[in-house]
Amino acid sequence: MFGTGLRSPDGVAEFARRAEDLGFDVLGCGEHVMFHVPTANTFISLGVAAGATTRIRLLSAVVLLPLYPAALAAKMGAALDVASGGRYLFGVGVGGEFPKEFEACGVPVRERGARTNEALDVIRRLWTGRDVSYAGRFNTLNEFSLDPMPVQSPPPIWVAGRRDAAMRRAARFGDGWLPYMYTPEQLAASTEKIRAFGEEAGRDLEGFRFGLYIFTAVHEDGDRAREMAISRLSRQYAQDFSGLVGKYALAGTPDEVKARLREYVDAGASMVMLSSACPDDWIDENIRLVAEEVIPAFR
């Protein structure tokens, strides 16, 4: 599967329809409460996209799960799955790179991993059963049920991250692994680690999928593509990306991007989210080039 991502809270319906018309399998949307650039809320924007489309799957990339009460996140995910007719993919991460949003939400940053693990346990129970009781460190449920339940039982859970703690989380609670800022070598190594962590947890990972979230800038002039990616990502993450784009992004001509993407596919990626890292006035052309000049080589 190949996807692209919403970058703006504006024009969601139009972008979603264009992504579907271009043949993307998945539309992603991330979120922050506050960040270096304007950001959306994944549930709200994907809800708009659900009403504007009929086929494309809708991925939270990602829900900042520790900022939500687990039951509320379960309800919102179930509601989105119902609204989309069973097209929702629940991507989750712990966040933490912008502490101000944790402070504003009253959540200690140091608790984000533990809160996410417990929430995933609660959410899977709520999506697959009724009258759920649970006594945890952060959540208490007494014969609690969602109504309606999600169409999928449950929606697939994609765990994002980069480190061993996230890989253990994916092995314990997830249906897929969605790292970002990763090299092909890191992706290949992570597949082996997650399988080992699954064995440790006594969990059968047959059917588990490995994916990748990667920023992309495509242009017939490869140098221009790399310049666009450096400029955009440096602003988005408030750091200099001039030495990182070649390592962690797909930036270049269509042929250059295809060659680098092949390394990730060979390393095990079966779902690739190709998010635009370019100026706003190049996004439409960027996703067209991705859809028409890059992805067909992998179909």
C-alpha atoms as a PDB file:
ATOM      1  CA  MET A   1       0.000   0.000   0.000  1.00  0.00           C
ATOM      2  CA  PHE A   2       1.097   3.542  -0.728  1.00  0.00           C
ATOM      3  CA  GLY A   3      -0.235   6.665   0.907  1.00  0.00           C
ATOM      4  CA  THR A   4       0.177  10.382   1.103  1.00  0.00           C
ATOM      5  CA  GLY A   5      -0.554  12.830   3.882  1.00  0.00           C
ATOM      6  CA  LEU A   6      -2.575  15.916   4.602  1.00  0.00           C
ATOM      7  CA  ARG A   7      -0.255  18.751   5.518  1.00  0.00           C
ATOM      8  CA  SER A   8      -2.748  21.524   6.184  1.00  0.00           C
ATOM      9  CA  PRO A   9      -5.953  21.743   8.212  1.00  0.00           C
ATOM     10  CA  ASP A  10      -7.386  23.667   5.233  1.00  0.00           C
ATOM     11  CA  GLY A  11      -8.811  22.218   2.013  1.00  0.00           C
ATOM     12  CA  VAL A  12      -9.071  18.705   3.464  1.00  0.00           C
ATOM     13  CA  ALA A  13     -11.989  17.470   1.342  1.00  0.00           C
ATOM     14  CA  GLU A  14     -10.436  18.644  -1.919  1.00  0.00           C
ATOM     15  CA  PHE A  15      -7.044  17.138  -1.112  1.00  0.00           C
ATOM     16  CA  ALA A  16      -8.606  13.854  -0.019  1.00  0.00           C
ATOM     17  CA  ARG A  17     -10.551  13.528  -3.274  1.00  0.00           C
ATOM     18  CA  ARG A  18      -7.430  14.323  -5.291  1.00  0.00           C
ATOM     19  CA  ALA A  19      -5.403  11.691  -3.429  1.00  0.00           C
ATOM     20  CA  GLU A  20      -8.131   9.126  -4.056  1.00  0.00           C
ATOM     21  CA  ASP A  21      -8.378  10.079  -7.742  1.00  0.00           C
ATOM     22  CA  LEU A  22      -4.595   9.705  -8.116  1.00  0.00           C
ATOM     23  CA  GLY A  23      -4.864   6.127  -6.875  1.00  0.00           C
ATOM     24  CA  PHE A  24      -3.303   6.365  -3.412  1.00  0.00           C
ATOM     25  CA  ASP A  25      -4.362   3.551  -1.103  1.00  0.00           C
ATOM     26  CA  VAL A  26      -4.118   5.538   2.132  1.00  0.00           C
ATOM     27  CA  LEU A  27      -4.547   9.140   3.262  1.00  0.00           C
ATOM     28  CA  GLY A  28      -2.734  10.063   6.457  1.00  0.00           C
ATOM     29  CA  CYS A  29      -3.037  12.915   8.914  1.00  0.00           C
ATOM     30  CA  GLY A  30      -1.000  13.676  11.997  1.00  0.00           C
ATOM     31  CA  GLU A  31      -1.644  16.085  14.821  1.00  0.00           C
ATOM     32  CA  HIS A  32      -0.234  18.331  17.487  1.00  0.00           C
ATOM     33  CA  VAL A  33      -1.936  20.561  20.006  1.00  0.00           C
ATOM     34  CA  MET A  34       0.884  23.052  19.392  1.00  0.00           C
ATOM     35  CA  PHE A  35       3.958  22.773  17.162  1.00  0.00           C
ATOM     36  CA  HIS A  36       6.468  24.789  15.119  1.00  0.00           C
ATOM     37  CA  VAL A  37       4.061  24.986  12.143  1.00  0.00           C
ATOM     38  CA  PRO A  38       0.240  24.931  11.826  1.00  0.00           C
ATOM     39  CA  THR A  39      -1.139  21.440  12.471  1.00  0.00           C
ATOM     40  CA  ALA A  40      -4.443  19.576  12.311  1.00  0.00           C
ATOM     41  CA  ASN A  41      -6.269  17.219  14.622  1.00  0.00           C
ATOM     42  CA  THR A  42      -6.178  13.769  13.074  1.00  0.00           C
ATOM     43  CA  PHE A  43      -9.717  12.722  14.047  1.00  0.00           C
ATOM     44  CA  ILE A  44     -11.315  15.956  12.798  1.00  0.00           C
ATOM     45  CA  SER A  45      -9.457  16.131   9.484  1.00  0.00           C
ATOM     46  CA  LEU A  46      -9.877  12.429   8.701  1.00  0.00           C
ATOM     47  CA  GLY A  47     -13.562  12.763   9.530  1.00  0.00           C
ATOM     48  CA  VAL A  48     -13.833  15.431   6.838  1.00  0.00           C
ATOM     49  CA  ALA A  49     -11.870  13.199   4.456  1.00  0.00           C
ATOM     50  CA  ALA A  50     -14.170  10.261   5.216  1.00  0.00           C
ATOM     51  CA  GLY A  51     -17.181  12.219   3.998  1.00  0.00           C
ATOM     52  CA  ALA A  52     -15.390  13.351   0.847  1.00  0.00           C
ATOM     53  CA  THR A  53     -14.151   9.928  -0.310  1.00  0.00           C
ATOM     54  CA  THR A  54     -15.390   6.381  -0.794  1.00  0.00           C
ATOM     55  CA  ARG A  55     -12.365   4.111  -1.188  1.00  0.00           C
ATOM     56  CA  ILE A  56      -9.137   5.471   0.243  1.00  0.00           C
ATOM     57  CA  ARG A  57      -8.178   4.228   3.708  1.00  0.00           C
ATOM     58  CA  LEU A  58      -7.686   6.801   6.453  1.00  0.00           C
ATOM     59  CA  LEU A  59      -4.630   6.623   8.706  1.00  0.00           C
ATOM     60  CA  SER A  60      -3.924   8.629  11.827  1.00  0.00           C
ATOM     61  CA  ALA A  61      -0.235   9.318  11.356  1.00  0.00           C
ATOM     62  CA  VAL A  62      -0.261   9.666  14.261  1.00  0.00           C
ATOM     63  CA  VAL A  63      -2.595  10.101  17.227  1.00  0.00           C
ATOM     64  CA  LEU A  64      -0.590  11.487  20.159  1.00  0.00           C
ATOM     65  CA  LEU A  65      -2.160   8.881  22.361  1.00  0.00           C
ATOM     66  CA  PRO A  66      -0.855   9.896  25.811  1.00  0.00           C
ATOM     67  CA  LEU A  67      -2.713  13.213  25.477  1.00  0.00           C
ATOM     68  CA  TYR A  68      -6.104  11.420  25.388  1.00  0.00           C
ATOM     69  CA  PRO A  69      -8.040   9.474  27.995  1.00  0.00           C
ATOM     70  CA  ALA A  70      -8.019   5.938  26.590  1.00  0.00           C
ATOM     71  CA  ALA A  71     -11.806   5.586  26.483  1.00  0.00           C
ATOM     72  CA  LEU A  72     -12.138   8.882  24.605  1.00  0.00           C
ATOM     73  CA  ALA A  73      -9.534   7.846  22.011  1.00  0.00           C
ATOM     74  CA  ALA A  74     -11.344   4.518  21.625  1.00  0.00           C
ATOM     75  CA  LYS A  75     -14.651   6.305  21.084  1.00  0.00           C
ATOM     76  CA  MET A  76     -13.240   8.716  18.516  1.00  0.00           C
ATOM     77  CA  GLY A  77     -11.493   5.939  16.616  1.00  0.00           C
ATOM     78  CA  ALA A  78     -14.632   3.789  16.609  1.00  0.00           C
ATOM     79  CA  ALA A  79     -16.742   6.740  15.456  1.00  0.00           C
ATOM     80  CA  LEU A  80     -14.344   7.446  12.599  1.00  0.00           C
ATOM     81  CA  ASP A  81     -14.324   3.798  11.574  1.00  0.00           C
ATOM     82  CA  VAL A  82     -18.131   3.823  11.476  1.00  0.00           C
ATOM     83  CA  ALA A  83     -18.274   7.138   9.605  1.00  0.00           C
ATOM     84  CA  SER A  84     -15.825   5.864   6.969  1.00  0.00           C
ATOM     85  CA  GLY A  85     -17.471   2.474   6.528  1.00  0.00           C
ATOM     86  CA  GLY A  86     -14.543   0.579   8.044  1.00  0.00           C
ATOM     87  CA  ARG A  87     -11.654   2.421   6.408  1.00  0.00           C
ATOM     88  CA  TYR A  88      -9.831   3.669   9.509  1.00  0.00           C
ATOM     89  CA  LEU A  89      -6.257   2.757  10.484  1.00  0.00           C
ATOM     90  CA  PHE A  90      -5.248   3.744  14.029  1.00  0.00           C
ATOM     91  CA  GLY A  91      -1.680   5.014  13.990  1.00  0.00           C
ATOM     92  CA  VAL A  92      -0.289   5.972  17.378  1.00  0.00           C
ATOM     93  CA  GLY A  93       2.816   7.576  18.817  1.00  0.00           C
ATOM     94  CA  VAL A  94       4.019   8.909  22.142  1.00  0.00           C
ATOM     95  CA  GLY A  95       5.154  12.369  21.004  1.00  0.00           C
ATOM     96  CA  GLY A  96       7.229  14.340  23.467  1.00  0.00           C
ATOM     97  CA  GLU A  97       9.351  16.406  21.089  1.00  0.00           C
ATOM     98  CA  PHE A  98       7.237  19.476  21.939  1.00  0.00           C
ATOM     99  CA  PRO A  99       6.844  19.478  25.740  1.00  0.00           C
ATOM    100  CA  LYS A 100       4.622  22.573  25.824  1.00  0.00           C
ATOM    101  CA  GLU A 101       1.660  20.627  24.474  1.00  0.00           C
ATOM    102  CA  PHE A 102       2.044  18.008  27.201  1.00  0.00           C
ATOM    103  CA  GLU A 103       2.194  20.728  29.842  1.00  0.00           C
ATOM    104  CA  ALA A 104      -0.914  22.384  28.386  1.00  0.00           C
ATOM    105  CA  CYS A 105      -2.801  19.071  28.468  1.00  0.00           C
ATOM    106  CA  GLY A 106      -1.708  18.269  32.019  1.00  0.00           C
ATOM    107  CA  VAL A 107       0.244  15.164  31.040  1.00  0.00           C
ATOM    108  CA  PRO A 108       3.812  14.665  32.333  1.00  0.00           C
ATOM    109  CA  VAL A 109       6.135  13.972  29.409  1.00  0.00           C
ATOM    110  CA  ARG A 110       7.937  11.282  31.397  1.00  0.00           C
ATOM    111  CA  GLU A 111       4.693   9.261  31.599  1.00  0.00           C
ATOM    112  CA  ARG A 112       3.986   9.219  27.873  1.00  0.00           C
ATOM    113  CA  GLY A 113       5.248   5.697  27.209  1.00  0.00           C
ATOM    114  CA  ALA A 114       3.443   4.089  30.147  1.00  0.00           C
ATOM    115  CA  ARG A 115       0.232   5.967  29.328  1.00  0.00           C
ATOM    116  CA  THR A 116       0.388   4.845  25.699  1.00  0.00           C
ATOM    117  CA  ASN A 117       0.947   1.188  26.579  1.00  0.00           C
ATOM    118  CA  GLU A 118      -1.970   1.135  28.979  1.00  0.00           C
ATOM    119  CA  ALA A 119      -4.211   3.030  26.558  1.00  0.00           C
ATOM    120  CA  LEU A 120      -3.519   0.542  23.765  1.00  0.00           C
ATOM    121  CA  ASP A 121      -4.475  -2.322  26.081  1.00  0.00           C
ATOM    122  CA  VAL A 122      -7.719  -0.552  27.009  1.00  0.00           C
ATOM    123  CA  ILE A 123      -8.567   0.457  23.443  1.00  0.00           C
ATOM    124  CA  ARG A 124      -8.138  -3.024  21.990  1.00  0.00           C
ATOM    125  CA  ARG A 125     -10.422  -4.406  24.736  1.00  0.00           C
ATOM    126  CA  LEU A 126     -13.055  -1.749  24.045  1.00  0.00           C
ATOM    127  CA  TRP A 127     -12.930  -2.366  20.302  1.00  0.00           C
ATOM    128  CA  THR A 128     -13.426  -6.119  20.647  1.00  0.00           C
ATOM    129  CA  GLY A 129     -15.671  -6.586  23.691  1.00  0.00           C
ATOM    130  CA  ARG A 130     -18.439  -5.145  25.816  1.00  0.00           C
ATOM    131  CA  ASP A 131     -18.874  -4.488  29.523  1.00  0.00           C
ATOM    132  CA  VAL A 132     -15.149  -3.983  29.917  1.00  0.00           C
ATOM    133  CA  SER A 133     -13.776  -3.544  33.429  1.00  0.00           C
ATOM    134  CA  TYR A 134     -10.204  -2.370  33.895  1.00  0.00           C
ATOM    135  CA  ALA A 135      -8.158  -1.129  36.840  1.00  0.00           C
ATOM    136  CA  GLY A 136      -4.878   0.396  35.739  1.00  0.00           C
ATOM    137  CA  ARG A 137      -2.486   3.129  36.675  1.00  0.00           C
ATOM    138  CA  PHE A 138      -4.173   5.712  34.459  1.00  0.00           C
ATOM    139  CA  ASN A 139      -7.553   4.182  33.517  1.00  0.00           C
ATOM    140  CA  THR A 140     -10.487   2.777  35.450  1.00  0.00           C
ATOM    141  CA  LEU A 141     -13.452   1.212  33.637  1.00  0.00           C
ATOM    142  CA  ASN A 142     -16.466  -0.447  35.203  1.00  0.00           C
ATOM    143  CA  GLU A 143     -18.495  -2.532  32.744  1.00  0.00           C
ATOM    144  CA  PHE A 144     -17.876   0.059  30.048  1.00  0.00           C
ATOM    145  CA  SER A 145     -19.001  -0.454  26.438  1.00  0.00           C
ATOM    146  CA  LEU A 146     -18.758   1.528  23.221  1.00  0.00           C
ATOM    147  CA  ASP A 147     -21.870   1.937  21.100  1.00  0.00           C
ATOM    148  CA  PRO A 148     -21.539   1.747  18.199  1.00  0.00           C
ATOM    149  CA  MET A 149     -18.551  -0.549  18.035  1.00  0.00           C
ATOM    150  CA  PRO A 150     -16.115  -0.012  15.143  1.00  0.00           C
ATOM    151  CA  VAL A 151     -16.952  -1.683  11.834  1.00  0.00           C
ATOM    152  CA  GLN A 152     -13.580  -3.433  11.878  1.00  0.00           C
ATOM    153  CA  SER A 153     -12.977  -5.655  14.875  1.00  0.00           C
ATOM    154  CA  PRO A 154     -10.664  -3.994  15.641  1.00  0.00           C
ATOM    155  CA  PRO A 155      -9.290  -1.283  13.338  1.00  0.00           C
ATOM    156  CA  PRO A 156      -5.621  -2.080  12.639  1.00  0.00           C
ATOM    157  CA  ILE A 157      -3.220  -0.480  15.099  1.00  0.00           C
ATOM    158  CA  TRP A 158      -0.005   0.924  13.604  1.00  0.00           C
ATOM    159  CA  VAL A 159       2.630   1.861  16.175  1.00  0.00           C
ATOM    160  CA  ALA A 160       5.055   4.625  15.233  1.00  0.00           C
ATOM    161  CA  GLY A 161       8.451   5.467  16.658  1.00  0.00           C
ATOM    162  CA  ARG A 162      12.152   4.900  16.256  1.00  0.00           C
ATOM    163  CA  ARG A 163      13.500   3.211  19.379  1.00  0.00           C
ATOM    164  CA  ASP A 164      13.360  -0.151  21.116  1.00  0.00           C
ATOM    165  CA  ALA A 165      10.556   0.956  23.461  1.00  0.00           C
ATOM    166  CA  ALA A 166       8.349   1.698  20.450  1.00  0.00           C
ATOM    167  CA  MET A 167       9.264  -1.637  18.847  1.00  0.00           C
ATOM    168  CA  ARG A 168       8.292  -3.479  22.028  1.00  0.00           C
ATOM    169  CA  ARG A 169       5.010  -1.545  22.018  1.00  0.00           C
ATOM    170  CA  ALA A 170       4.377  -2.561  18.419  1.00  0.00           C
ATOM    171  CA  ALA A 171       5.117  -6.210  19.212  1.00  0.00           C
ATOM    172  CA  ARG A 172       2.798  -6.219  22.239  1.00  0.00           C
ATOM    173  CA  PHE A 173      -0.135  -4.185  20.984  1.00  0.00           C
ATOM    174  CA  GLY A 174       0.202  -3.432  17.280  1.00  0.00           C
ATOM    175  CA  ASP A 175      -0.755  -4.862  13.921  1.00  0.00           C
ATOM    176  CA  GLY A 176       1.912  -2.851  12.131  1.00  0.00           C
ATOM    177  CA  TRP A 177       5.117  -0.852  12.630  1.00  0.00           C
ATOM    178  CA  LEU A 178       5.369   2.651  11.157  1.00  0.00           C
ATOM    179  CA  PRO A 179       8.784   4.231  11.863  1.00  0.00           C
ATOM    180  CA  TYR A 180       9.908   7.589  10.536  1.00  0.00           C
ATOM    181  CA  MET A 181      13.281   9.267  10.064  1.00  0.00           C
ATOM    182  CA  TYR A 182      14.635   5.792   9.263  1.00  0.00           C
ATOM    183  CA  THR A 183      17.188   4.376   6.875  1.00  0.00           C
ATOM    184  CA  PRO A 184      16.603   1.103   4.998  1.00  0.00           C
ATOM    185  CA  GLU A 185      19.169  -0.529   7.264  1.00  0.00           C
ATOM    186  CA  GLN A 186      17.305   0.625  10.376  1.00  0.00           C
ATOM    187  CA  LEU A 187      14.035  -0.674   8.950  1.00  0.00           C
ATOM    188  CA  ALA A 188      15.497  -4.105   8.238  1.00  0.00           C
ATOM    189  CA  ALA A 189      16.984  -4.292  11.739  1.00  0.00           C
ATOM    190  CA  SER A 190      13.694  -3.234  13.317  1.00  0.00           C
ATOM    191  CA  THR A 191      11.788  -6.061  11.634  1.00  0.00           C
ATOM    192  CA  GLU A 192      14.052  -8.593  13.307  1.00  0.00           C
ATOM    193  CA  LYS A 193      13.820  -6.874  16.679  1.00  0.00           C
ATOM    194  CA  ILE A 194      10.029  -6.702  16.591  1.00  0.00           C
ATOM    195  CA  ARG A 195       9.745 -10.390  15.751  1.00  0.00           C
ATOM    196  CA  ALA A 196      12.029 -11.158  18.709  1.00  0.00           C
ATOM    197  CA  PHE A 197      10.007  -8.890  21.011  1.00  0.00           C
ATOM    198  CA  GLY A 198       6.846 -10.642  19.854  1.00  0.00           C
ATOM    199  CA  GLU A 199       8.310 -13.989  20.877  1.00  0.00           C
ATOM    200  CA  GLU A 200       9.250 -12.538  24.272  1.00  0.00           C
ATOM    201  CA  ALA A 201       5.679 -11.322  24.738  1.00  0.00           C
ATOM    202  CA  GLY A 202       4.238 -14.668  23.645  1.00  0.00           C
ATOM    203  CA  ARG A 203       2.413 -13.029  20.782  1.00  0.00           C
ATOM    204  CA  ASP A 204       1.928 -14.512  17.335  1.00  0.00           C
ATOM    205  CA  LEU A 205       2.957 -11.844  14.815  1.00  0.00           C
ATOM    206  CA  GLU A 206       1.762 -13.705  11.749  1.00  0.00           C
ATOM    207  CA  GLY A 207       0.062 -11.075   9.622  1.00  0.00           C
ATOM    208  CA  PHE A 208       1.964  -8.231  11.297  1.00  0.00           C
ATOM    209  CA  ARG A 209       2.981  -5.608   8.727  1.00  0.00           C
ATOM    210  CA  PHE A 210       6.013  -3.367   8.474  1.00  0.00           C
ATOM    211  CA  GLY A 211       5.668   0.116   7.069  1.00  0.00           C
ATOM    212  CA  LEU A 212       7.429   3.426   6.724  1.00  0.00           C
ATOM    213  CA  TYR A 213       6.515   7.101   7.022  1.00  0.00           C
ATOM    214  CA  ILE A 214       8.891   9.195   4.945  1.00  0.00           C
ATOM    215  CA  PHE A 215       9.032  12.777   3.699  1.00  0.00           C
ATOM    216  CA  THR A 216       9.213  13.169  -0.052  1.00  0.00           C
ATOM    217  CA  ALA A 217      10.073  15.850  -2.589  1.00  0.00           C
ATOM    218  CA  VAL A 218      10.115  14.947  -6.277  1.00  0.00           C
ATOM    219  CA  HIS A 219      11.206  17.248  -9.111  1.00  0.00           C
ATOM    220  CA  GLU A 220      12.709  16.739 -12.547  1.00  0.00           C
ATOM    221  CA  ASP A 221      15.626  18.765 -11.181  1.00  0.00           C
ATOM    222  CA  GLY A 222      16.996  16.612  -8.386  1.00  0.00           C
ATOM    223  CA  ASP A 223      18.908  19.450  -6.737  1.00  0.00           C
ATOM    224  CA  ARG A 224      15.754  21.541  -6.606  1.00  0.00           C
ATOM    225  CA  ALA A 225      13.919  18.651  -4.936  1.00  0.00           C
ATOM    226  CA  ARG A 226      16.594  18.355  -2.281  1.00  0.00           C
ATOM    227  CA  GLU A 227      16.562  22.124  -1.683  1.00  0.00           C
ATOM    228  CA  MET A 228      12.802  22.023  -1.183  1.00  0.00           C
ATOM    229  CA  ALA A 229      13.017  19.177   1.304  1.00  0.00           C
ATOM    230  CA  ILE A 230      15.812  20.826   3.290  1.00  0.00           C
ATOM    231  CA  SER A 231      13.918  24.114   3.501  1.00  0.00           C
ATOM    232  CA  ARG A 232      10.602  22.576   4.503  1.00  0.00           C
ATOM    233  CA  LEU A 233      11.900  20.094   7.058  1.00  0.00           C
ATOM    234  CA  SER A 234      14.292  22.589   8.630  1.00  0.00           C
ATOM    235  CA  ARG A 235      11.342  24.896   9.276  1.00  0.00           C
ATOM    236  CA  GLN A 236       8.984  22.128  10.357  1.00  0.00           C
ATOM    237  CA  TYR A 237      11.368  20.676  12.933  1.00  0.00           C
ATOM    238  CA  ALA A 238      13.250  23.874  13.843  1.00  0.00           C
ATOM    239  CA  GLN A 239      16.655  22.378  13.029  1.00  0.00           C
ATOM    240  CA  ASP A 240      19.044  22.202  10.083  1.00  0.00           C
ATOM    241  CA  PHE A 241      18.134  19.284   7.789  1.00  0.00           C
ATOM    242  CA  SER A 242      20.815  19.920   5.167  1.00  0.00           C
ATOM    243  CA  GLY A 243      22.780  16.886   6.331  1.00  0.00           C
ATOM    244  CA  LEU A 244      19.738  14.699   7.023  1.00  0.00           C
ATOM    245  CA  VAL A 245      17.569  14.814   3.903  1.00  0.00           C
ATOM    246  CA  GLY A 246      19.741  12.383   1.965  1.00  0.00           C
ATOM    247  CA  LYS A 247      19.563   9.932   4.843  1.00  0.00           C
ATOM    248  CA  TYR A 248      15.953  10.157   6.010  1.00  0.00           C
ATOM    249  CA  ALA A 249      13.895  11.559   3.104  1.00  0.00           C
ATOM    250  CA  LEU A 250      13.112  10.695  -0.497  1.00  0.00           C
ATOM    251  CA  ALA A 251      14.220  13.766  -2.426  1.00  0.00           C
ATOM    252  CA  GLY A 252      15.328  13.919  -6.028  1.00  0.00           C
ATOM    253  CA  THR A 253      14.225  13.063  -9.536  1.00  0.00           C
ATOM    254  CA  PRO A 254      11.562  10.382 -10.037  1.00  0.00           C
ATOM    255  CA  ASP A 255      14.286   7.860 -10.897  1.00  0.00           C
ATOM    256  CA  GLU A 256      16.362   8.784  -7.839  1.00  0.00           C
ATOM    257  CA  VAL A 257      13.346   8.495  -5.573  1.00  0.00           C
ATOM    258  CA  LYS A 258      12.373   5.128  -7.069  1.00  0.00           C
ATOM    259  CA  ALA A 259      15.863   3.768  -6.508  1.00  0.00           C
ATOM    260  CA  ARG A 260      15.909   4.843  -2.857  1.00  0.00           C
ATOM    261  CA  LEU A 261      12.340   3.656  -2.262  1.00  0.00           C
ATOM    262  CA  ARG A 262      13.310   0.231  -3.642  1.00  0.00           C
ATOM    263  CA  GLU A 263      15.807  -0.075  -0.776  1.00  0.00           C
ATOM    264  CA  TYR A 264      13.021   0.425   1.762  1.00  0.00           C
ATOM    265  CA  VAL A 265      10.688  -2.022   0.036  1.00  0.00           C
ATOM    266  CA  ASP A 266      13.481  -4.597  -0.094  1.00  0.00           C
ATOM    267  CA  ALA A 267      14.046  -3.982   3.641  1.00  0.00           C
ATOM    268  CA  GLY A 268      10.464  -5.045   4.346  1.00  0.00           C
ATOM    269  CA  ALA A 269       8.164  -2.039   3.955  1.00  0.00           C
ATOM    270  CA  SER A 270       4.722  -3.116   2.739  1.00  0.00           C
ATOM    271  CA  MET A 271       2.987   0.196   3.487  1.00  0.00           C
ATOM    272  CA  VAL A 272       4.773   3.426   2.638  1.00  0.00           C
ATOM    273  CA  MET A 273       3.389   6.833   3.591  1.00  0.00           C
ATOM    274  CA  LEU A 274       4.931   9.445   1.287  1.00  0.00           C
ATOM    275  CA  SER A 275       4.374  12.826   2.914  1.00  0.00           C
ATOM    276  CA  SER A 276       5.218  15.981   0.960  1.00  0.00           C
ATOM    277  CA  ALA A 277       8.270  17.984   2.022  1.00  0.00           C
ATOM    278  CA  CYS A 278       8.041  20.901  -0.370  1.00  0.00           C
ATOM    279  CA  PRO A 279       6.491  24.374  -0.665  1.00  0.00           C
ATOM    280  CA  ASP A 280       2.710  24.626  -0.633  1.00  0.00           C
ATOM    281  CA  ASP A 281       2.639  25.567  -4.337  1.00  0.00           C
ATOM    282  CA  TRP A 282       4.442  22.309  -5.261  1.00  0.00           C
ATOM    283  CA  ILE A 283       2.361  19.836  -3.205  1.00  0.00           C
ATOM    284  CA  ASP A 284      -0.144  19.090  -5.973  1.00  0.00           C
ATOM    285  CA  GLU A 285       2.634  18.464  -8.480  1.00  0.00           C
ATOM    286  CA  ASN A 286       4.630  16.506  -5.915  1.00  0.00           C
ATOM    287  CA  ILE A 287       1.842  14.032  -5.210  1.00  0.00           C
ATOM    288  CA  ARG A 288       1.119  13.753  -8.950  1.00  0.00           C
ATOM    289  CA  LEU A 289       4.729  12.846  -9.646  1.00  0.00           C
ATOM    290  CA  VAL A 290       4.729  10.369  -6.767  1.00  0.00           C
ATOM    291  CA  ALA A 291       1.498   8.768  -7.991  1.00  0.00           C
ATOM    292  CA  GLU A 292       2.334   8.702 -11.698  1.00  0.00           C
ATOM    293  CA  GLU A 293       6.131   8.472 -11.882  1.00  0.00           C
ATOM    294  CA  VAL A 294       7.192   6.632  -8.710  1.00  0.00           C
ATOM    295  CA  ILE A 295       4.523   4.297  -7.321  1.00  0.00           C
ATOM    296  CA  PRO A 296       3.733   2.441 -10.596  1.00  0.00           C
ATOM    297  CA  ALA A 297       7.190   0.853 -10.437  1.00  0.00           C
ATOM    298  CA  PHE A 298       6.091  -1.012  -7.293  1.00  0.00           C
ATOM    299  CA  ARG A 299       2.582  -2.113  -8.228  1.00  0.00           C
END
